[in-house]
Amino acid sequence: CNNLALCLAKSSTDNLPQSLELVARAQSIAPNNAEILDTFGEILMMAGRAKEAINKFEQSIKLESGRIGTRKKLVAAYEAAGLPELAKAQSEIVQSMESEPK
């Protein structure tokens, strides 16, 4: 459901309602899956629902703190929601994570 939801959302904005239903179903099956929460946030952003997306991205990061890609999406969501201070703080976290030796 998760991958199908994202593929549908990326193929056409007309598919956003169905995509949201699919990703919500995926989350109901696996409520503590960071990848599904990330996808949910991404689709919510495509639907112009930044504040709801923030919630999903933050939940994803709470489950797996090392998700740099999710953190970058969270920066964009904060910016879209008019929260520049939070976007800046999250950007700094991303930069510090990217500069850490592996």
Protein backbone atom coordinates (compact mmCIF):
# COMPACT_ATOMS: atom_id res chain seq x y z
CA CYS A 1 0.00 0.00 0.00
CA ASN A 2 2.81 2.40 0.91
CA ASN A 3 4.70 2.16 -2.38
CA LEU A 4 1.53 2.17 -4.46
CA ALA A 5 0.31 5.28 -2.63
CA LEU A 6 3.52 7.14 -3.42
CA CYS A 7 3.58 6.02 -7.06
CA LEU A 8 -0.02 7.12 -7.58
CA ALA A 9 0.60 10.48 -5.92
CA LYS A 10 3.66 11.13 -8.06
CA SER A 11 1.89 10.14 -11.27
CA SER A 12 -0.93 12.69 -11.00
CA THR A 13 -2.35 15.14 -8.48
CA ASP A 14 -5.76 13.69 -9.35
CA ASN A 15 -4.64 10.57 -7.50
CA LEU A 16 -3.94 12.33 -4.19
CA PRO A 17 -7.23 11.34 -2.48
CA GLN A 18 -6.70 7.67 -3.34
CA SER A 19 -3.02 7.92 -2.37
CA LEU A 20 -3.94 9.32 1.03
CA GLU A 21 -6.42 6.48 1.57
CA LEU A 22 -3.78 3.88 0.67
CA VAL A 23 -1.07 5.33 2.89
CA ALA A 24 -3.56 5.67 5.76
CA ARG A 25 -4.36 1.99 5.30
CA ALA A 26 -0.65 1.15 5.32
CA GLN A 27 -0.24 3.09 8.55
CA SER A 28 -3.20 1.29 10.12
CA ILE A 29 -1.48 -2.02 9.32
CA ALA A 30 1.96 -0.88 10.54
CA PRO A 31 1.47 2.18 12.76
CA ASN A 32 5.08 2.37 13.93
CA ASN A 33 6.80 2.14 10.56
CA ALA A 34 9.05 5.15 9.91
CA GLU A 35 9.01 4.65 6.13
CA ILE A 36 5.21 4.69 5.96
CA LEU A 37 5.08 7.82 8.11
CA ASP A 38 7.63 9.45 5.80
CA THR A 39 5.52 8.55 2.76
CA PHE A 40 2.38 9.83 4.48
CA GLY A 41 4.10 13.15 5.11
CA GLU A 42 5.35 13.36 1.55
CA ILE A 43 1.85 12.79 0.13
CA LEU A 44 0.37 15.31 2.56
CA MET A 45 2.92 17.86 1.30
CA MET A 46 1.86 17.13 -2.30
CA ALA A 47 -1.71 17.80 -1.15
CA GLY A 48 -0.69 21.17 0.32
CA ARG A 49 -1.22 20.02 3.91
CA ALA A 50 2.12 21.02 5.42
CA LYS A 51 1.04 21.11 9.06
CA GLU A 52 -0.27 17.55 8.89
CA ALA A 53 2.89 16.51 7.04
CA ILE A 54 5.02 17.94 9.86
CA ASN A 55 3.27 15.64 12.31
CA LYS A 56 4.00 12.55 10.17
CA PHE A 57 7.64 13.52 9.54
CA GLU A 58 8.20 14.17 13.25
CA GLN A 59 6.68 10.78 14.13
CA SER A 60 8.96 9.11 11.58
CA ILE A 61 12.05 10.76 13.04
CA LYS A 62 10.96 9.85 16.56
CA LEU A 63 10.99 6.19 15.48
CA GLU A 64 14.28 6.44 13.52
CA SER A 65 16.29 9.53 14.38
CA GLY A 66 18.89 8.97 11.65
CA ARG A 67 16.49 9.55 8.74
CA ILE A 68 18.27 12.43 6.96
CA GLY A 69 15.88 12.35 3.97
CA THR A 70 12.88 12.67 6.27
CA ARG A 71 14.56 15.54 8.10
CA LYS A 72 15.09 17.35 4.78
CA LYS A 73 11.40 16.90 3.97
CA LEU A 74 10.60 18.23 7.45
CA VAL A 75 12.62 21.37 6.71
CA ALA A 76 10.50 21.96 3.58
CA ALA A 77 7.30 21.31 5.55
CA TYR A 78 8.31 23.79 8.26
CA GLU A 79 9.06 26.38 5.58
CA ALA A 80 5.72 25.74 3.84
CA ALA A 81 3.92 26.09 7.17
CA GLY A 82 5.62 29.43 7.88
CA LEU A 83 7.88 28.13 10.65
CA PRO A 84 11.34 29.39 9.59
CA GLU A 85 12.94 29.01 13.02
CA LEU A 86 12.08 25.31 13.16
CA ALA A 87 13.23 24.89 9.55
CA LYS A 88 16.57 26.48 10.40
CA ALA A 89 17.06 24.33 13.48
CA GLN A 90 16.26 21.16 11.54
CA SER A 91 18.60 22.24 8.70
CA GLU A 92 21.42 22.57 11.23
CA ILE A 93 20.72 19.04 12.48
CA VAL A 94 20.82 17.74 8.89
CA GLN A 95 24.12 19.51 8.23
CA SER A 96 25.67 18.08 11.39
CA MET A 97 24.47 14.57 10.49
CA GLU A 98 25.82 14.84 6.95
CA SER A 99 29.22 15.97 8.16
CA GLU A 100 29.62 13.10 10.65
CA PRO A 101 32.16 10.50 9.58
CA LYS A 102 30.59 7.17 8.69
